[in-house]
Protein backbone atom coordinates (compact mmCIF):
# COMPACT_ATOMS: atom_id res chain seq x y z
CA MET A 1 -13.62 -2.84 -6.38
CA LYS A 2 -11.95 -6.14 -5.55
CA ILE A 3 -8.57 -6.11 -3.79
CA ARG A 4 -6.13 -8.96 -4.36
CA TYR A 5 -2.86 -9.44 -2.44
CA THR A 6 0.35 -11.05 -3.69
CA ARG A 7 2.11 -13.53 -1.42
CA HIS A 8 4.90 -10.96 -0.99
CA ALA A 9 2.38 -8.32 0.16
CA LYS A 10 0.82 -10.70 2.70
CA ASN A 11 4.25 -11.58 4.09
CA ARG A 12 5.31 -7.91 4.35
CA MET A 13 2.00 -7.02 6.02
CA ARG A 14 2.45 -9.80 8.57
CA PHE A 15 6.08 -8.78 9.24
CA HIS A 16 5.24 -5.06 9.65
CA LYS A 17 1.92 -5.72 11.44
CA ILE A 18 -0.18 -3.91 8.83
CA THR A 19 -3.87 -4.75 8.63
CA GLU A 20 -5.98 -5.12 5.50
CA PHE A 21 -8.06 -2.18 6.75
CA GLU A 22 -4.97 0.06 6.77
CA VAL A 23 -4.10 -1.03 3.23
CA GLU A 24 -7.65 -0.35 2.01
CA THR A 25 -7.58 3.06 3.72
CA ALA A 26 -4.30 3.88 1.98
CA ILE A 27 -5.78 2.94 -1.40
CA ASN A 28 -9.05 4.82 -0.89
CA GLU A 29 -7.84 7.87 1.09
CA PRO A 30 -4.07 8.35 0.54
CA ASP A 31 -2.13 11.22 2.09
CA PHE A 32 0.32 11.20 -0.82
CA ILE A 33 0.42 9.45 -4.21
CA GLU A 34 3.56 8.92 -6.28
CA PRO A 35 3.78 7.20 -9.66
CA PHE A 36 6.07 4.20 -9.90
CA ILE A 37 7.29 1.95 -12.71
CA GLU A 38 5.18 -0.27 -15.01
CA ASN A 39 1.74 1.24 -14.24
CA ARG A 40 2.28 0.86 -10.50
CA SER A 41 1.67 3.52 -7.88
CA ASN A 42 2.83 4.11 -4.32
CA VAL A 43 0.36 5.56 -1.83
CA TRP A 44 1.32 6.76 1.63
CA ILE A 45 -0.66 7.28 4.83
CA LYS A 46 0.51 8.37 8.25
CA VAL A 47 -0.38 6.07 11.13
CA SER A 48 0.73 7.12 14.62
CA GLU A 49 4.40 8.01 14.38
CA LYS A 50 5.08 5.94 11.25
CA PHE A 51 4.13 5.92 7.59
CA ILE A 52 2.68 3.07 5.55
CA ARG A 53 3.64 2.75 1.90
CA VAL A 54 1.49 0.55 -0.31
CA THR A 55 2.60 -0.34 -3.83
CA PHE A 56 -0.25 -1.45 -6.05
CA LYS A 57 -1.34 -1.89 -9.65
CA ARG A 58 -4.83 -1.26 -11.00
CA GLU A 59 -6.09 -3.99 -13.29
CA SER A 60 -9.37 -4.16 -15.19
CA ASP A 61 -11.78 -4.69 -12.28
CA GLU A 62 -9.46 -5.12 -9.32
CA VAL A 63 -6.48 -3.70 -7.46
CA LEU A 64 -3.40 -5.88 -7.01
CA ILE A 65 -1.45 -5.06 -3.84
CA ILE A 66 2.21 -5.75 -4.51
CA THR A 67 3.74 -4.75 -1.18
CA ALA A 68 3.01 -2.80 2.00
CA VAL A 69 5.65 -1.63 4.47
CA LYS A 70 5.99 0.69 7.47
CA LYS A 71 8.61 3.41 7.29
CA LYS A 72 9.98 5.83 9.90
CA LYS A 73 10.22 8.64 7.33
CA GLY A 74 7.47 9.60 4.93
CA TRP A 75 7.40 10.59 1.34
CA ARG A 76 10.00 12.99 0.03
């Protein structure tokens, strides 16, 4: 499975200091999955004292990462 990142996702990852490994872990082994709009999904993982939320969209043979951010509070 190929993973592709939008420019927005790369910028958010750089700002929040999120690695590609953490994003791939969230996609492959999420702690929580929530559906989102327009065939998108949010996956959450807990890292240390914070949570990482990755918004992505599955396309034919790849996954498009739309954004990734760190949050103090987790999923609801």
